[in-house]
Amino acid sequence: MTDLKEERRQTARVAAKDGSELWLERPHAVRLLEISMTGALLRASHGPPVGERGELRTKLGDHTFTTHVEVRRVVAQPGAGEMPGRYTLGVTFVSLDSDNRRCLERFLRQPATP
């Protein structure tokens, strides 16, 4: 029998700070919860449809990170008290140029801070 908590991701994830923005048809404030080389976990006040594409903008350290993303998973969070926060979104990076790839690699190599 397979362990249900088995990690599916192939790359490390790092917790990130607030101040991120997801552009779908219009900008939406999101909270960046985790980020890896292949995607991110976001908290948002709206639940876009799976498959929708947009652009994620956030600060990683001292650098602005921007990439095109595709929404892969949307989970409603009942009773979430903080805003934004009604939905958890899993997004994958659709395109990552060399500058943003290096920015993300540098950020992921940094030691975690509490």
C-alpha atoms as a PDB file:
ATOM      1  CA  MET A   1       0.000   0.000   0.000  1.00  0.00           C
ATOM      2  CA  THR A   2       1.268   3.467  -0.881  1.00  0.00           C
ATOM      3  CA  ASP A   3       1.947   6.019   1.839  1.00  0.00           C
ATOM      4  CA  LEU A   4      -0.562   8.865   1.279  1.00  0.00           C
ATOM      5  CA  LYS A   5       1.873  11.432   2.667  1.00  0.00           C
ATOM      6  CA  GLU A   6       4.602  10.506   0.202  1.00  0.00           C
ATOM      7  CA  GLU A   7       6.246  13.595  -1.280  1.00  0.00           C
ATOM      8  CA  ARG A   8       5.367  14.047  -4.967  1.00  0.00           C
ATOM      9  CA  ARG A   9       7.623  17.018  -5.622  1.00  0.00           C
ATOM     10  CA  GLN A  10      11.034  16.529  -7.177  1.00  0.00           C
ATOM     11  CA  THR A  11      12.542  19.813  -5.945  1.00  0.00           C
ATOM     12  CA  ALA A  12      12.929  21.499  -2.570  1.00  0.00           C
ATOM     13  CA  ARG A  13      10.365  24.068  -1.439  1.00  0.00           C
ATOM     14  CA  VAL A  14      11.074  27.203   0.574  1.00  0.00           C
ATOM     15  CA  ALA A  15       8.626  29.330   2.553  1.00  0.00           C
ATOM     16  CA  ALA A  16       8.357  32.887   1.253  1.00  0.00           C
ATOM     17  CA  LYS A  17       7.149  36.264   2.497  1.00  0.00           C
ATOM     18  CA  ASP A  18       4.023  38.329   1.713  1.00  0.00           C
ATOM     19  CA  GLY A  19       3.663  40.952  -1.008  1.00  0.00           C
ATOM     20  CA  SER A  20       3.090  38.783  -4.066  1.00  0.00           C
ATOM     21  CA  GLU A  21       0.743  39.426  -6.938  1.00  0.00           C
ATOM     22  CA  LEU A  22      -0.909  37.038  -9.385  1.00  0.00           C
ATOM     23  CA  TRP A  23      -2.104  38.495 -12.689  1.00  0.00           C
ATOM     24  CA  LEU A  24      -4.845  36.494 -14.373  1.00  0.00           C
ATOM     25  CA  GLU A  25      -7.388  38.691 -16.146  1.00  0.00           C
ATOM     26  CA  ARG A  26      -6.561  41.371 -13.574  1.00  0.00           C
ATOM     27  CA  PRO A  27      -4.135  41.596 -10.639  1.00  0.00           C
ATOM     28  CA  HIS A  28      -4.926  39.716  -7.421  1.00  0.00           C
ATOM     29  CA  ALA A  29      -3.039  40.026  -4.151  1.00  0.00           C
ATOM     30  CA  VAL A  30      -1.825  36.610  -3.035  1.00  0.00           C
ATOM     31  CA  ARG A  31       0.276  35.260  -0.210  1.00  0.00           C
ATOM     32  CA  LEU A  32       3.212  33.191  -1.415  1.00  0.00           C
ATOM     33  CA  LEU A  33       3.360  30.222   0.959  1.00  0.00           C
ATOM     34  CA  GLU A  34       6.042  28.065  -0.674  1.00  0.00           C
ATOM     35  CA  ILE A  35       8.143  28.145  -3.810  1.00  0.00           C
ATOM     36  CA  SER A  36      10.332  25.638  -5.650  1.00  0.00           C
ATOM     37  CA  MET A  37      12.095  25.498  -9.020  1.00  0.00           C
ATOM     38  CA  THR A  38       8.931  24.169 -10.678  1.00  0.00           C
ATOM     39  CA  GLY A  39       6.053  26.005  -9.000  1.00  0.00           C
ATOM     40  CA  ALA A  40       4.515  27.695  -6.004  1.00  0.00           C
ATOM     41  CA  LEU A  41       1.790  27.384  -3.393  1.00  0.00           C
ATOM     42  CA  LEU A  42      -0.313  30.531  -2.994  1.00  0.00           C
ATOM     43  CA  ARG A  43      -3.142  31.704  -0.737  1.00  0.00           C
ATOM     44  CA  ALA A  44      -5.758  33.889  -2.467  1.00  0.00           C
ATOM     45  CA  SER A  45      -9.175  35.430  -1.882  1.00  0.00           C
ATOM     46  CA  HIS A  46     -10.519  34.027  -5.170  1.00  0.00           C
ATOM     47  CA  GLY A  47     -10.459  30.602  -6.785  1.00  0.00           C
ATOM     48  CA  PRO A  48      -9.534  30.754 -10.474  1.00  0.00           C
ATOM     49  CA  PRO A  49     -10.301  27.739 -12.665  1.00  0.00           C
ATOM     50  CA  VAL A  50      -7.682  25.014 -13.011  1.00  0.00           C
ATOM     51  CA  GLY A  51      -5.791  25.540 -16.254  1.00  0.00           C
ATOM     52  CA  GLU A  52      -5.965  29.348 -16.173  1.00  0.00           C
ATOM     53  CA  ARG A  53      -2.663  31.027 -16.991  1.00  0.00           C
ATOM     54  CA  GLY A  54      -1.247  34.264 -15.702  1.00  0.00           C
ATOM     55  CA  GLU A  55       1.840  35.950 -14.313  1.00  0.00           C
ATOM     56  CA  LEU A  56       3.235  35.746 -10.795  1.00  0.00           C
ATOM     57  CA  ARG A  57       5.256  38.681  -9.423  1.00  0.00           C
ATOM     58  CA  THR A  58       6.977  38.604  -6.062  1.00  0.00           C
ATOM     59  CA  LYS A  59      10.121  39.699  -4.238  1.00  0.00           C
ATOM     60  CA  LEU A  60      12.672  36.989  -3.543  1.00  0.00           C
ATOM     61  CA  GLY A  61      15.240  38.570  -1.292  1.00  0.00           C
ATOM     62  CA  ASP A  62      16.244  41.846  -2.931  1.00  0.00           C
ATOM     63  CA  HIS A  63      15.145  40.786  -6.416  1.00  0.00           C
ATOM     64  CA  THR A  64      11.800  40.906  -8.218  1.00  0.00           C
ATOM     65  CA  PHE A  65      10.811  37.484  -9.551  1.00  0.00           C
ATOM     66  CA  THR A  66       8.338  37.309 -12.439  1.00  0.00           C
ATOM     67  CA  THR A  67       7.173  34.216 -14.303  1.00  0.00           C
ATOM     68  CA  HIS A  68       4.227  32.888 -16.271  1.00  0.00           C
ATOM     69  CA  VAL A  69       2.233  30.283 -14.356  1.00  0.00           C
ATOM     70  CA  GLU A  70      -0.602  27.836 -14.832  1.00  0.00           C
ATOM     71  CA  VAL A  71      -3.099  27.092 -12.070  1.00  0.00           C
ATOM     72  CA  ARG A  72      -2.920  23.336 -11.411  1.00  0.00           C
ATOM     73  CA  ARG A  73      -4.886  22.983  -8.181  1.00  0.00           C
ATOM     74  CA  VAL A  74      -7.468  25.053  -6.288  1.00  0.00           C
ATOM     75  CA  VAL A  75      -8.639  24.103  -2.782  1.00  0.00           C
ATOM     76  CA  ALA A  76     -11.257  26.114  -0.858  1.00  0.00           C
ATOM     77  CA  GLN A  77     -10.231  26.761   2.753  1.00  0.00           C
ATOM     78  CA  PRO A  78     -13.400  26.997   4.855  1.00  0.00           C
ATOM     79  CA  GLY A  79     -13.269  29.464   7.698  1.00  0.00           C
ATOM     80  CA  ALA A  80      -9.879  30.925   6.843  1.00  0.00           C
ATOM     81  CA  GLY A  81      -9.723  34.094   8.942  1.00  0.00           C
ATOM     82  CA  GLU A  82      -6.919  35.959   7.193  1.00  0.00           C
ATOM     83  CA  MET A  83      -7.238  37.712   3.849  1.00  0.00           C
ATOM     84  CA  PRO A  84      -6.206  36.903   1.278  1.00  0.00           C
ATOM     85  CA  GLY A  85      -6.871  33.378   2.282  1.00  0.00           C
ATOM     86  CA  ARG A  86     -10.049  31.640   1.171  1.00  0.00           C
ATOM     87  CA  TYR A  87      -8.288  29.472  -1.447  1.00  0.00           C
ATOM     88  CA  THR A  88      -4.999  27.633  -1.720  1.00  0.00           C
ATOM     89  CA  LEU A  89      -3.630  27.580  -5.268  1.00  0.00           C
ATOM     90  CA  GLY A  90      -0.965  25.301  -6.662  1.00  0.00           C
ATOM     91  CA  VAL A  91       0.701  26.831  -9.713  1.00  0.00           C
ATOM     92  CA  THR A  92       3.425  25.541 -11.997  1.00  0.00           C
ATOM     93  CA  PHE A  93       5.902  27.727 -13.845  1.00  0.00           C
ATOM     94  CA  VAL A  94       5.155  27.727 -17.573  1.00  0.00           C
ATOM     95  CA  SER A  95       8.178  29.729 -18.662  1.00  0.00           C
ATOM     96  CA  LEU A  96      11.168  30.812 -16.638  1.00  0.00           C
ATOM     97  CA  ASP A  97      13.764  33.027 -18.334  1.00  0.00           C
ATOM     98  CA  SER A  98      17.432  32.788 -17.358  1.00  0.00           C
ATOM     99  CA  ASP A  99      17.431  35.913 -15.139  1.00  0.00           C
ATOM    100  CA  ASN A 100      14.427  34.736 -13.116  1.00  0.00           C
ATOM    101  CA  ARG A 101      15.807  31.192 -12.946  1.00  0.00           C
ATOM    102  CA  ARG A 102      19.057  32.517 -11.419  1.00  0.00           C
ATOM    103  CA  CYS A 103      17.066  34.714  -9.006  1.00  0.00           C
ATOM    104  CA  LEU A 104      15.052  31.697  -7.878  1.00  0.00           C
ATOM    105  CA  GLU A 105      18.122  29.464  -7.577  1.00  0.00           C
ATOM    106  CA  ARG A 106      19.867  32.062  -5.376  1.00  0.00           C
ATOM    107  CA  PHE A 107      16.777  32.386  -3.192  1.00  0.00           C
ATOM    108  CA  LEU A 108      16.402  28.619  -2.765  1.00  0.00           C
ATOM    109  CA  ARG A 109      20.077  28.224  -1.789  1.00  0.00           C
ATOM    110  CA  GLN A 110      19.758  30.681   1.109  1.00  0.00           C
ATOM    111  CA  PRO A 111      19.436  29.224   4.603  1.00  0.00           C
ATOM    112  CA  ALA A 112      15.858  29.163   5.886  1.00  0.00           C
ATOM    113  CA  THR A 113      14.892  31.878   8.366  1.00  0.00           C
ATOM    114  CA  PRO A 114      12.317  31.336  11.128  1.00  0.00           C
END
